[in-house]
N, C-alpha and C. Protein backbone atom coordinates (compact mmCIF):
# COMPACT_ATOMS: atom_id res chain seq x y z
N MET A 1 17.14 19.81 1.16
CA MET A 1 15.68 20.17 0.73
C MET A 1 15.37 21.09 -0.40
N PRO A 2 16.26 22.33 -0.41
CA PRO A 2 16.19 23.34 -1.48
C PRO A 2 16.47 22.71 -2.93
N GLU A 3 17.19 21.84 -3.00
CA GLU A 3 17.56 21.18 -4.20
C GLU A 3 16.35 20.23 -4.69
N GLU A 4 15.45 19.47 -3.79
CA GLU A 4 14.44 18.86 -4.18
C GLU A 4 13.50 19.72 -4.57
N LEU A 5 13.01 20.67 -3.80
CA LEU A 5 11.97 21.69 -4.02
C LEU A 5 12.16 22.26 -5.76
N LYS A 6 13.34 22.52 -5.79
CA LYS A 6 13.60 23.04 -7.22
C LYS A 6 13.52 22.05 -8.34
N ASP A 7 13.95 20.77 -7.98
CA ASP A 7 13.74 19.81 -8.69
C ASP A 7 12.05 19.33 -9.10
N VAL A 8 11.51 19.63 -8.09
CA VAL A 8 9.85 19.32 -8.01
C VAL A 8 9.33 20.29 -8.90
N ILE A 9 9.75 21.83 -8.91
CA ILE A 9 9.16 22.85 -9.78
C ILE A 9 9.27 22.53 -11.21
N ARG A 10 10.77 22.41 -11.30
CA ARG A 10 11.19 22.12 -12.67
C ARG A 10 10.34 20.89 -13.32
N GLU A 11 9.98 19.77 -12.63
CA GLU A 11 9.22 18.84 -13.41
C GLU A 11 7.77 19.03 -13.42
N ASN A 12 7.35 19.75 -12.55
CA ASN A 12 5.86 20.48 -12.90
C ASN A 12 5.67 21.27 -13.88
N ALA A 13 6.92 22.22 -14.27
CA ALA A 13 6.79 23.24 -15.19
C ALA A 13 6.69 22.46 -16.65
N GLU A 14 7.56 21.40 -16.77
CA GLU A 14 7.58 20.57 -17.76
C GLU A 14 6.54 19.77 -18.11
N GLY A 15 5.72 19.30 -17.22
CA GLY A 15 4.50 18.51 -17.29
C GLY A 15 3.32 19.32 -17.66
N PRO A 16 2.33 18.57 -18.30
CA PRO A 16 1.01 19.31 -18.45
C PRO A 16 0.41 19.88 -17.13
N SER A 17 -0.27 20.89 -17.22
CA SER A 17 -1.00 21.30 -16.23
C SER A 17 -2.45 20.62 -15.96
N LYS A 18 -3.04 20.05 -16.98
CA LYS A 18 -4.06 19.31 -16.82
C LYS A 18 -4.00 18.19 -17.50
N ALA A 19 -4.62 17.03 -17.03
CA ALA A 19 -4.60 15.92 -17.96
C ALA A 19 -5.80 14.79 -17.31
N SER A 20 -6.51 14.21 -18.37
CA SER A 20 -7.50 13.59 -18.11
C SER A 20 -7.59 12.32 -18.92
N GLY A 21 -8.08 11.37 -18.39
CA GLY A 21 -8.16 9.99 -18.99
C GLY A 21 -9.42 9.29 -18.31
N ASP A 22 -9.22 8.04 -18.95
CA ASP A 22 -10.45 6.76 -18.59
C ASP A 22 -10.46 7.15 -16.86
N ALA A 23 -9.45 7.02 -16.32
CA ALA A 23 -9.56 6.93 -14.79
C ALA A 23 -9.90 8.29 -14.11
N GLY A 24 -9.90 9.34 -14.80
CA GLY A 24 -10.18 10.55 -14.25
C GLY A 24 -9.34 11.72 -14.58
N SER A 25 -9.29 12.73 -13.97
CA SER A 25 -8.34 13.93 -14.33
C SER A 25 -7.61 14.18 -13.36
N VAL A 26 -6.28 15.07 -13.65
CA VAL A 26 -5.35 15.27 -12.60
C VAL A 26 -5.11 16.82 -12.87
N GLU A 27 -4.84 17.42 -11.95
CA GLU A 27 -4.68 19.12 -12.13
C GLU A 27 -3.39 19.37 -11.02
N GLN A 28 -2.46 20.18 -11.56
CA GLN A 28 -1.33 20.30 -10.61
C GLN A 28 -1.63 21.84 -9.97
N HIS A 29 -0.88 22.03 -9.24
CA HIS A 29 -0.87 23.46 -8.51
C HIS A 29 -0.14 24.30 -9.51
N LYS A 30 -0.80 25.77 -9.61
CA LYS A 30 -0.15 26.88 -10.50
C LYS A 30 1.36 26.99 -10.00
N LEU A 31 1.97 27.30 -11.17
CA LEU A 31 3.68 27.40 -10.80
C LEU A 31 3.81 28.60 -9.72
N THR A 32 2.94 29.89 -9.95
CA THR A 32 2.89 30.87 -8.90
C THR A 32 2.74 30.36 -7.70
N GLU A 33 2.03 29.47 -7.33
CA GLU A 33 1.68 28.87 -5.93
C GLU A 33 2.89 27.99 -5.58
N GLN A 34 3.76 27.29 -6.60
CA GLN A 34 4.71 26.68 -6.04
C GLN A 34 5.92 27.68 -5.79
N ILE A 35 6.05 28.66 -6.54
CA ILE A 35 7.07 29.53 -6.45
C ILE A 35 6.86 30.24 -4.90
N ALA A 36 5.73 30.89 -4.59
CA ALA A 36 5.45 31.27 -3.39
C ALA A 36 5.45 30.34 -2.45
N ALA A 37 5.38 28.93 -2.47
CA ALA A 37 5.76 27.95 -1.36
C ALA A 37 7.27 28.01 -1.22
N ASP A 38 7.83 27.94 -2.26
CA ASP A 38 9.38 27.87 -2.29
C ASP A 38 10.00 29.05 -1.62
N LYS A 39 9.24 30.43 -1.76
CA LYS A 39 9.99 31.52 -1.15
C LYS A 39 9.47 31.68 0.28
N HIS A 40 8.29 31.01 0.71
CA HIS A 40 7.84 30.80 1.97
C HIS A 40 8.77 29.95 2.81
N LEU A 41 9.29 28.82 2.26
CA LEU A 41 10.16 27.75 2.90
C LEU A 41 11.49 28.28 2.83
N ALA A 42 11.77 29.02 2.00
CA ALA A 42 13.32 29.79 2.01
C ALA A 42 13.42 30.72 3.22
N GLY A 43 12.42 31.50 3.25
CA GLY A 43 12.10 32.44 4.42
C GLY A 43 12.27 31.86 5.88
N LYS A 44 11.81 30.74 5.87
CA LYS A 44 11.59 29.79 7.04
C LYS A 44 13.04 29.65 7.39
N ASP A 45 13.85 28.94 6.51
CA ASP A 45 15.19 28.44 6.56
C ASP A 45 16.03 29.69 7.09
N ALA A 46 15.82 30.77 6.53
CA ALA A 46 16.67 32.00 6.68
C ALA A 46 16.44 32.43 8.15
N VAL A 47 15.21 32.40 8.56
CA VAL A 47 14.99 32.73 10.04
C VAL A 47 15.67 31.82 10.97
N ARG A 48 15.76 30.52 10.45
CA ARG A 48 16.59 29.61 11.50
C ARG A 48 17.95 29.98 11.55
N LYS A 49 18.73 30.65 10.83
CA LYS A 49 20.00 30.86 10.69
C LYS A 49 20.24 32.05 11.92
N PRO A 50 21.47 31.56 12.61
CA PRO A 50 21.89 32.27 13.78
C PRO A 50 21.94 33.82 13.53
N ASN A 51 22.59 34.15 12.37
CA ASN A 51 22.96 35.72 12.12
C ASN A 51 21.52 36.24 11.57
N ARG A 52 20.97 35.59 10.89
CA ARG A 52 19.73 36.17 10.16
C ARG A 52 20.04 37.31 9.14
N GLY A 53 21.01 37.18 8.57
CA GLY A 53 21.33 38.11 7.35
C GLY A 53 21.87 39.31 7.88
N LEU A 54 21.95 39.59 9.28
CA LEU A 54 22.66 40.76 9.80
C LEU A 54 23.86 40.62 10.60
N ARG A 55 24.71 41.65 10.28
CA ARG A 55 26.09 41.66 10.97
C ARG A 55 26.45 42.77 11.74
N PHE A 56 26.60 42.64 12.91
CA PHE A 56 27.17 44.06 13.58
C PHE A 56 28.68 44.25 13.82
N ASN A 57 29.47 45.07 13.24
CA ASN A 57 30.91 45.06 13.49
C ASN A 57 31.15 46.41 13.93
N LYS A 58 32.15 46.50 15.01
CA LYS A 58 32.63 47.68 15.39
C LYS A 58 33.83 47.89 14.84
N ILE A 59 33.94 49.19 14.26
CA ILE A 59 34.94 49.62 13.27
C ILE A 59 35.80 50.46 14.22
N VAL A 60 37.18 50.30 14.41
CA VAL A 60 38.06 51.08 15.16
C VAL A 60 39.23 51.55 14.32
N PRO A 61 39.32 52.79 14.21
CA PRO A 61 40.48 53.24 13.20
C PRO A 61 41.82 52.99 13.96
N PRO A 62 42.79 52.83 13.13
CA PRO A 62 43.94 52.53 13.84
C PRO A 62 44.93 53.60 14.69
N SER A 63 44.32 54.79 14.56
CA SER A 63 45.13 56.06 15.38
C SER A 63 44.21 56.16 16.57
N ALA A 64 43.38 55.18 16.70
CA ALA A 64 42.58 55.65 18.16
C ALA A 64 42.92 54.53 19.04
N GLY A 65 43.85 53.78 18.86
CA GLY A 65 44.54 53.01 19.90
C GLY A 65 43.98 51.82 20.50
């Protein structure tokens, strides 16, 4: 899913922000809103991971036996 979202953001950035014609007008979401949505979804994916970015290790020096 992250690759698809990156592709959508790229396509929207390349296209016009507003378009109008005989059938009506079209306006896309702002790029800042799209980036915020991407960060939100990335955060939700990070929370689902079992270690959540934290690792706890016990360090035992070799002389402590």
